[in-house]
Amino acid sequence: MSRLKRLKWLSVALVPSLPLTALAAPTTEELQRQLQQQQERIDVLAAQLEKTADKAPSKTHVGGYGEMHYNNLKDETAGAEKKEVDFHRFVVYVAHDFTDKVRFFSELEVEHAWAGDNDKKDKFDNNGKKPGEVELEQAYIEFDLPNNAKAKGGLFLVPVGILNETHEPPTFYGVERNPVEHNILLSTWWEGGAAIGGAIGDTGLGYDFAVHSGLKVGSDFKVRDGRQKVAEASAEDLAYTVRLKYTGLPGVELASSYQRQEDVTQTIVGDAASAQLIEAHAVAQAGPFSARALWARWDIDGAAAKAAKRDEQDGFYAEAAYRVVPAFGFFSRYAVWDNGGSPGAGFTETEIRQVNTGFNYWPVENVVVKADVQTQSGGDDDDGFNLGIGYSF
């Protein structure tokens, strides 16, 4: 029923409410007063109808993703082997639409299948701890704003890189996530805070700006170990992240992110260490061909970071893929990264180079079977192969 028809119906329905005396012999003043009262009641009801129309029905959405891996790798320098089956991730996704303009997102993750304390301390060699973790990866409220902008507050993924915000197994090639985004961009990396983002007119450009909790590295300045995961996280020093992204051409994404934190140690190291992260990447797809390239770099100031040989940490990778048919594609990726520190035994540098070549097979759209061959120089010098299966829904 249209708003006009509702108002007509209300007008007719309210006529019987007129006093009998008014119907019998109303004066002009009485009739005007009664009509004014009716109009006021109609305006109130119409406003209530308009307010109700602005609300979308509440909806709750459930989804998730997961992946299991088999790694068969050998450190050619040390002679150590890794033959391991691991259900790496099991993630449950829950979202809720309060209205068409306010919504909630969340992800709860179990890593490595088993978390907590061991009842038998000799079963694992990790200090009597079960290998897994239970983690809240996302939990935030999002609000629609004018001009196609959105704001959010809570626990969210940091807007950096290619994989950090979109990392479901069917969306990328390779059994394991690429080592550059893992070791330099700290994927999966989430923080607690507030953010705003949106499109810049019809230019194809989009922006994101976030103020959030920061890293807390120790005296060794290992950036990946500095993630606090918003668990009673120190907030002596917040971090600021900004991203600019271009998607104005079909199949193309060009983006760059910048993050600044005034003290990446959260004051635990006497010499305050300001840190900045710069990242840039490109994604392109044309028919069955696709390519990705990403570069990222940390610069950490201060004598302590320099003494630890981790004042500069960076990485780069390039990946090319060809989808033979919609269900099957080949890829090859070359990655180089350096987290600094001192070289391991048998090495003269800390830079690590890795090549992965393999295929993805999608029996259905959101299920993937993966395999790749890996060669590595530097670090653990892991050579071998990886197998995996994953899903999302």
Protein backbone atom coordinates (compact mmCIF):
# COMPACT_ATOMS: atom_id res chain seq x y z
CA MET A 1 0.00 0.00 0.00
CA SER A 2 1.44 3.38 -1.01
CA ARG A 3 1.88 6.17 1.52
CA LEU A 4 -0.89 8.24 -0.20
CA LYS A 5 -3.37 5.36 0.06
CA ARG A 6 -2.41 4.87 3.74
CA LEU A 7 -3.14 8.54 4.47
CA LYS A 8 -6.52 8.38 2.68
CA TRP A 9 -7.43 5.27 4.65
CA LEU A 10 -6.43 6.98 7.91
CA SER A 11 -8.55 10.02 7.07
CA VAL A 12 -11.66 7.91 6.45
CA ALA A 13 -11.02 5.79 9.51
CA LEU A 14 -10.77 8.84 11.77
CA VAL A 15 -14.08 10.42 10.68
CA PRO A 16 -16.22 8.19 12.97
CA SER A 17 -14.21 9.43 15.94
CA LEU A 18 -15.78 12.92 15.64
CA PRO A 19 -18.14 13.73 18.50
CA LEU A 20 -21.87 13.41 17.66
CA THR A 21 -22.45 17.02 18.59
CA ALA A 22 -19.86 18.07 16.05
CA LEU A 23 -21.53 15.96 13.35
CA ALA A 24 -24.90 17.33 14.26
CA ALA A 25 -24.13 21.03 14.21
CA PRO A 26 -20.45 21.89 14.14
CA THR A 27 -19.43 25.46 14.12
CA THR A 28 -16.70 26.58 11.77
CA GLU A 29 -14.19 26.93 14.63
CA GLU A 30 -15.02 23.47 16.04
CA LEU A 31 -14.71 21.87 12.62
CA GLN A 32 -11.35 23.54 12.00
CA ARG A 33 -10.08 22.43 15.42
CA GLN A 34 -11.20 18.83 14.88
CA LEU A 35 -9.67 18.72 11.42
CA GLN A 36 -6.41 20.08 12.84
CA GLN A 37 -6.39 17.35 15.51
CA GLN A 38 -7.01 14.71 12.84
CA GLN A 39 -4.18 16.08 10.71
CA GLU A 40 -1.81 15.98 13.66
CA ARG A 41 -2.70 12.33 14.32
CA ILE A 42 -2.24 11.52 10.63
CA ASP A 43 1.19 13.18 10.63
CA VAL A 44 2.27 11.15 13.67
CA LEU A 45 1.11 7.87 12.14
CA ALA A 46 2.67 8.71 8.78
CA ALA A 47 6.00 9.41 10.48
CA GLN A 48 5.82 6.06 12.24
CA LEU A 49 5.11 4.31 8.92
CA GLU A 50 8.05 6.12 7.30
CA LYS A 51 10.36 5.10 10.14
CA THR A 52 9.28 1.48 9.86
CA ALA A 53 9.85 1.52 6.10
CA ASP A 54 13.49 2.59 6.66
CA LYS A 55 14.21 -0.60 8.59
CA ALA A 56 15.18 -3.78 6.80
CA PRO A 57 14.09 -7.10 8.28
CA SER A 58 16.73 -8.40 10.70
CA LYS A 59 18.80 -11.17 9.12
CA THR A 60 21.49 -13.41 10.53
CA HIS A 61 24.06 -15.06 8.24
CA VAL A 62 26.28 -18.04 9.01
CA GLY A 63 29.27 -19.18 6.98
CA GLY A 64 32.86 -20.24 7.34
CA TYR A 65 35.99 -21.68 5.78
CA GLY A 66 38.69 -24.22 6.55
CA GLU A 67 41.72 -26.01 5.16
CA MET A 68 43.84 -29.09 5.82
CA HIS A 69 47.46 -29.41 4.66
CA TYR A 70 50.04 -32.12 4.16
CA ASN A 71 53.62 -30.82 4.11
CA ASN A 72 56.53 -32.99 3.02
CA LEU A 73 59.64 -30.80 3.25
CA LYS A 74 63.33 -31.35 3.92
CA ASP A 75 65.94 -28.89 5.12
CA GLU A 76 68.74 -29.71 2.71
CA THR A 77 71.32 -27.88 4.86
CA ALA A 78 70.51 -29.36 8.27
CA GLY A 79 69.04 -32.64 6.99
CA ALA A 80 65.84 -32.22 9.04
CA GLU A 81 62.54 -33.41 7.56
CA LYS A 82 58.98 -32.22 8.06
CA LYS A 83 56.23 -34.67 7.19
CA GLU A 84 53.06 -33.36 8.75
CA VAL A 85 49.27 -33.41 8.40
CA ASP A 86 47.57 -30.39 9.92
CA PHE A 87 43.98 -29.15 9.90
CA HIS A 88 45.36 -25.65 9.76
CA ARG A 89 42.20 -23.59 10.17
CA PHE A 90 38.52 -24.03 11.01
CA VAL A 91 36.63 -20.74 10.91
CA VAL A 92 32.98 -19.95 11.68
CA TYR A 93 31.53 -16.73 10.31
CA VAL A 94 28.45 -15.06 11.86
CA ALA A 95 26.95 -11.77 10.67
CA HIS A 96 23.73 -9.97 11.50
CA ASP A 97 21.86 -7.11 9.76
CA PHE A 98 20.24 -4.93 12.41
CA THR A 99 18.88 -2.65 9.67
CA ASP A 100 19.82 -1.98 6.07
CA LYS A 101 22.39 0.53 7.39
CA VAL A 102 23.79 -1.12 10.53
CA ARG A 103 25.30 -4.61 10.62
CA PHE A 104 27.63 -6.90 12.58
CA PHE A 105 30.46 -9.16 11.32
CA SER A 106 32.47 -11.80 13.18
CA GLU A 107 34.86 -14.71 12.66
CA LEU A 108 35.87 -17.27 15.27
CA GLU A 109 38.82 -19.47 14.37
CA VAL A 110 40.40 -22.66 15.67
CA GLU A 111 43.97 -23.17 14.44
CA HIS A 112 45.68 -26.57 14.31
CA ALA A 113 42.57 -28.39 15.56
CA TRP A 114 43.50 -28.70 19.24
CA ALA A 115 44.03 -25.90 21.77
CA GLY A 116 44.74 -25.74 25.50
CA ASP A 117 47.00 -27.50 27.99
CA ASN A 118 48.13 -31.08 27.51
CA ASP A 119 47.20 -33.79 29.95
CA LYS A 120 50.34 -35.63 28.82
CA LYS A 121 53.30 -33.29 28.55
CA ASP A 122 55.43 -35.77 26.64
CA LYS A 123 53.03 -35.93 23.71
CA PHE A 124 54.35 -32.72 22.15
CA ASP A 125 57.64 -30.91 22.46
CA ASN A 126 56.05 -27.45 22.87
CA ASN A 127 56.25 -27.07 26.67
CA GLY A 128 53.21 -29.16 27.39
CA LYS A 129 50.86 -27.06 25.29
CA LYS A 130 48.47 -28.33 22.66
CA PRO A 131 49.48 -26.85 19.30
CA GLY A 132 46.26 -25.03 18.46
CA GLU A 133 44.70 -21.66 19.28
CA VAL A 134 41.17 -20.33 19.51
CA GLU A 135 41.06 -16.80 18.12
CA LEU A 136 38.50 -14.10 17.51
CA GLU A 137 39.56 -12.86 14.09
CA GLN A 138 36.81 -10.28 13.48
CA ALA A 139 34.03 -8.74 15.56
CA TYR A 140 32.86 -5.28 14.53
CA ILE A 141 29.81 -3.11 13.90
CA GLU A 142 29.59 -1.42 10.49
CA PHE A 143 27.54 1.69 9.69
CA ASP A 144 26.55 3.08 6.29
CA LEU A 145 27.34 6.77 5.88
CA PRO A 146 26.42 9.32 3.18
CA ASN A 147 28.31 9.32 -0.15
CA ASN A 148 28.78 5.53 -0.15
CA ALA A 149 31.09 5.64 2.86
CA LYS A 150 31.16 3.11 5.69
CA ALA A 151 32.46 3.30 9.25
CA LYS A 152 33.21 0.46 11.62
CA GLY A 153 34.31 -0.08 15.17
CA GLY A 154 35.55 -3.18 16.96
CA LEU A 155 38.02 -5.87 15.98
CA PHE A 156 38.79 -5.92 12.25
CA LEU A 157 41.40 -6.97 9.69
CA VAL A 158 44.03 -4.33 8.94
CA PRO A 159 43.67 -2.94 5.37
CA VAL A 160 47.04 -4.01 3.97
CA GLY A 161 48.11 -6.37 1.21
CA ILE A 162 46.13 -8.79 -0.95
CA LEU A 163 45.43 -11.72 1.38
CA ASN A 164 44.85 -10.07 4.73
CA GLU A 165 41.18 -9.23 4.12
CA THR A 166 40.42 -11.99 1.58
CA HIS A 167 42.17 -15.24 2.52
CA GLU A 168 39.61 -18.03 2.09
CA PRO A 169 41.36 -21.08 0.51
CA PRO A 170 39.41 -21.07 -2.81
CA THR A 171 40.48 -17.45 -3.50
CA PHE A 172 44.25 -17.94 -3.87
CA TYR A 173 46.78 -20.32 -5.41
CA GLY A 174 49.15 -22.44 -3.35
CA VAL A 175 48.62 -24.67 -0.33
CA GLU A 176 50.15 -22.25 2.15
CA ARG A 177 49.63 -18.49 2.13
CA ASN A 178 52.54 -16.76 0.43
CA PRO A 179 55.53 -16.20 2.76
CA VAL A 180 55.91 -12.46 2.09
CA GLU A 181 52.42 -11.57 3.29
CA HIS A 182 52.87 -14.05 6.15
CA ASN A 183 56.22 -12.74 7.40
CA ILE A 184 56.18 -9.06 6.41
CA LEU A 185 52.47 -8.16 6.35
CA LEU A 186 51.72 -10.57 9.22
CA SER A 187 48.68 -12.16 7.59
CA THR A 188 46.23 -12.80 9.13
CA TRP A 189 46.57 -9.50 11.04
CA TRP A 190 43.72 -7.94 13.00
CA GLU A 191 43.53 -5.06 15.47
CA GLY A 192 40.91 -3.26 17.57
CA GLY A 193 39.85 0.28 16.77
CA ALA A 194 37.79 2.36 14.36
CA ALA A 195 37.92 2.82 10.60
CA ILE A 196 36.22 4.64 7.75
CA GLY A 197 36.32 3.89 4.04
CA GLY A 198 34.52 4.49 0.78
CA ALA A 199 34.72 5.44 -2.88
CA ILE A 200 35.98 8.75 -4.25
CA GLY A 201 33.23 9.65 -6.69
CA ASP A 202 33.26 7.72 -9.97
CA THR A 203 37.05 7.74 -10.28
CA GLY A 204 37.50 4.06 -9.45
CA LEU A 205 39.50 5.09 -6.38
CA GLY A 206 38.66 3.96 -2.88
CA TYR A 207 40.14 4.88 0.49
CA ASP A 208 40.45 3.43 4.00
CA PHE A 209 41.67 5.08 7.18
CA ALA A 210 41.96 3.25 10.51
CA VAL A 211 43.08 4.10 14.04
CA HIS A 212 43.77 0.93 15.99
CA SER A 213 45.86 -0.98 18.49
CA GLY A 214 49.43 -1.51 17.43
CA LEU A 215 52.22 -4.05 17.60
CA LYS A 216 54.25 -4.79 20.73
CA VAL A 217 57.59 -6.21 19.68
CA GLY A 218 60.27 -7.34 22.09
CA SER A 219 63.95 -6.47 22.11
CA ASP A 220 64.46 -8.82 19.14
CA PHE A 221 62.10 -6.68 16.98
CA LYS A 222 60.42 -9.66 15.27
CA VAL A 223 57.37 -7.95 13.75
CA ARG A 224 55.18 -11.06 13.42
CA ASP A 225 55.68 -11.86 17.10
CA GLY A 226 54.51 -8.33 17.90
CA ARG A 227 50.84 -9.02 17.08
CA GLN A 228 48.81 -8.66 20.30
CA LYS A 229 45.56 -10.00 18.76
CA VAL A 230 43.52 -7.55 20.88
CA ALA A 231 43.93 -9.76 23.97
CA GLU A 232 44.41 -7.28 26.84
CA ALA A 233 46.59 -5.47 24.32
CA SER A 234 48.92 -2.70 25.46
CA ALA A 235 47.67 0.60 24.06
CA GLU A 236 50.41 2.98 25.18
CA ASP A 237 50.88 3.75 21.51
CA LEU A 238 48.25 3.40 18.78
CA ALA A 239 48.84 2.79 15.10
CA TYR A 240 47.39 4.57 12.05
CA THR A 241 46.81 2.87 8.69
CA VAL A 242 45.73 4.47 5.42
CA ARG A 243 45.10 2.75 2.09
CA LEU A 244 44.32 4.00 -1.41
CA LYS A 245 42.98 1.47 -3.92
CA TYR A 246 42.11 1.70 -7.63
CA THR A 247 39.63 -0.74 -9.23
CA GLY A 248 38.42 1.39 -12.13
CA LEU A 249 39.37 -1.14 -14.82
CA PRO A 250 37.80 -4.63 -15.07
CA GLY A 251 40.04 -7.26 -13.51
CA VAL A 252 42.55 -4.73 -12.17
CA GLU A 253 43.41 -3.75 -8.59
CA LEU A 254 46.20 -1.33 -7.73
CA ALA A 255 46.68 -0.40 -4.09
CA SER A 256 49.11 1.00 -1.58
CA SER A 257 48.99 1.11 2.22
CA TYR A 258 50.94 3.07 4.82
CA GLN A 259 51.06 2.49 8.57
CA ARG A 260 52.72 4.53 11.31
CA GLN A 261 53.28 3.70 14.97
CA GLU A 262 55.35 6.00 17.18
CA ASP A 263 56.65 3.24 19.46
CA VAL A 264 56.34 -0.30 18.18
CA THR A 265 57.60 -1.64 21.55
CA GLN A 266 54.76 -0.01 23.55
CA THR A 267 57.46 1.60 25.78
CA ILE A 268 58.97 -1.73 26.96
CA VAL A 269 62.29 -0.92 25.27
CA GLY A 270 63.99 2.18 26.64
CA ASP A 271 64.84 3.55 23.21
CA ALA A 272 61.48 4.45 21.61
CA ALA A 273 61.24 2.81 18.20
CA SER A 274 58.91 4.45 15.71
CA ALA A 275 57.91 2.14 12.89
CA GLN A 276 56.44 2.64 9.47
CA LEU A 277 55.13 0.06 7.01
CA ILE A 278 54.81 0.75 3.29
CA GLU A 279 53.10 -1.73 0.98
CA ALA A 280 52.10 -1.68 -2.69
CA HIS A 281 50.53 -4.37 -4.85
CA ALA A 282 48.92 -5.06 -8.20
CA VAL A 283 46.40 -7.71 -9.24
CA ALA A 284 45.36 -8.26 -12.85
CA GLN A 285 43.14 -10.78 -14.60
CA ALA A 286 42.43 -11.07 -18.33
CA GLY A 287 40.47 -14.12 -19.40
CA PRO A 288 42.24 -17.26 -18.12
CA PHE A 289 45.43 -15.36 -17.23
CA SER A 290 46.01 -13.73 -13.84
CA ALA A 291 48.96 -12.17 -12.07
CA ARG A 292 49.81 -10.76 -8.65
CA ALA A 293 52.78 -8.77 -7.42
CA LEU A 294 53.42 -7.23 -4.00
CA TRP A 295 56.21 -5.34 -2.24
CA ALA A 296 56.29 -4.39 1.45
CA ARG A 297 58.84 -2.87 3.81
CA TRP A 298 59.17 -2.08 7.54
CA ASP A 299 61.47 0.74 8.70
CA ILE A 300 62.03 0.82 12.47
CA ASP A 301 63.96 3.70 14.02
CA GLY A 302 66.18 3.59 17.09
CA ALA A 303 69.48 2.16 18.23
CA ALA A 304 67.89 -0.98 19.72
CA ALA A 305 66.29 -2.04 16.43
CA LYS A 306 69.52 -1.38 14.59
CA ALA A 307 71.52 -3.40 17.12
CA ALA A 308 69.10 -6.31 16.63
CA LYS A 309 69.68 -5.96 12.86
CA ARG A 310 65.93 -5.64 12.30
CA ASP A 311 65.57 -1.94 11.58
CA GLU A 312 64.77 -2.88 7.97
CA GLN A 313 62.52 -5.82 7.03
CA ASP A 314 61.10 -6.23 3.54
CA GLY A 315 59.83 -8.64 0.92
CA PHE A 316 58.55 -9.03 -2.63
CA TYR A 317 56.70 -11.68 -4.62
CA ALA A 318 55.36 -12.13 -8.14
CA GLU A 319 52.87 -14.79 -9.19
CA ALA A 320 51.45 -15.81 -12.57
CA ALA A 321 48.58 -18.24 -13.17
CA TYR A 322 46.68 -19.74 -16.06
CA ARG A 323 43.21 -21.24 -15.68
CA VAL A 324 43.07 -24.02 -18.29
CA VAL A 325 39.36 -24.58 -17.66
CA PRO A 326 37.13 -22.97 -15.02
CA ALA A 327 37.80 -25.88 -12.63
CA PHE A 328 41.59 -26.18 -13.06
CA GLY A 329 44.52 -23.76 -13.06
CA PHE A 330 48.34 -23.76 -12.85
CA PHE A 331 50.49 -21.17 -11.05
CA SER A 332 54.08 -20.29 -10.27
CA ARG A 333 55.28 -17.84 -7.61
CA TYR A 334 58.68 -16.36 -6.76
CA ALA A 335 59.07 -14.79 -3.30
CA VAL A 336 61.97 -13.04 -1.54
CA TRP A 337 61.85 -11.74 2.02
CA ASP A 338 64.21 -10.67 4.79
CA ASN A 339 63.20 -10.23 8.44
CA GLY A 340 66.74 -9.31 9.44
CA GLY A 341 68.51 -10.63 12.52
CA SER A 342 71.55 -12.88 12.33
CA PRO A 343 71.95 -15.51 9.60
CA GLY A 344 71.28 -19.11 10.55
CA ALA A 345 73.92 -21.79 10.65
CA GLY A 346 75.40 -22.41 7.24
CA PHE A 347 74.19 -19.10 5.79
CA THR A 348 75.85 -15.76 5.23
CA GLU A 349 72.70 -13.66 4.80
CA THR A 350 69.16 -13.45 6.20
CA GLU A 351 67.39 -13.10 2.86
CA ILE A 352 65.21 -16.10 1.94
CA ARG A 353 64.10 -16.99 -1.59
CA GLN A 354 61.30 -19.43 -2.36
CA VAL A 355 59.62 -20.76 -5.51
CA ASN A 356 56.26 -22.57 -5.50
CA THR A 357 54.75 -24.15 -8.63
CA GLY A 358 51.57 -26.19 -8.72
CA PHE A 359 47.85 -26.27 -9.41
CA ASN A 360 44.39 -25.63 -7.95
CA TYR A 361 41.38 -27.81 -8.76
CA TRP A 362 37.88 -26.56 -7.93
CA PRO A 363 35.40 -29.50 -8.14
CA VAL A 364 32.72 -26.96 -7.22
CA GLU A 365 33.01 -23.20 -6.91
CA ASN A 366 33.85 -22.96 -3.19
CA VAL A 367 35.83 -26.18 -2.71
CA VAL A 368 39.47 -26.45 -3.78
CA VAL A 369 42.14 -29.16 -3.93
CA LYS A 370 45.73 -27.87 -4.14
CA ALA A 371 49.25 -29.15 -4.76
CA ASP A 372 52.59 -27.41 -5.21
CA VAL A 373 56.30 -28.14 -5.33
CA GLN A 374 58.52 -25.88 -3.22
CA THR A 375 62.20 -24.98 -3.36
CA GLN A 376 63.83 -22.60 -0.90
CA SER A 377 67.27 -21.14 -0.28
CA GLY A 378 68.17 -19.47 2.98
CA GLY A 379 66.31 -19.91 6.27
CA ASP A 380 65.27 -23.53 6.81
CA ASP A 381 66.11 -24.28 3.17
CA ASP A 382 62.85 -26.27 2.90
CA ASP A 383 62.44 -28.21 -0.34
CA GLY A 384 59.59 -30.62 -1.07
CA PHE A 385 55.89 -30.56 -1.81
CA ASN A 386 52.59 -29.52 -0.21
CA LEU A 387 49.05 -30.86 -0.60
CA GLY A 388 45.87 -29.22 0.62
CA ILE A 389 42.09 -29.15 0.56
CA GLY A 390 39.92 -26.20 1.50
CA TYR A 391 36.42 -24.76 1.38
CA SER A 392 34.35 -21.68 2.10
CA PHE A 393 30.60 -21.04 2.33
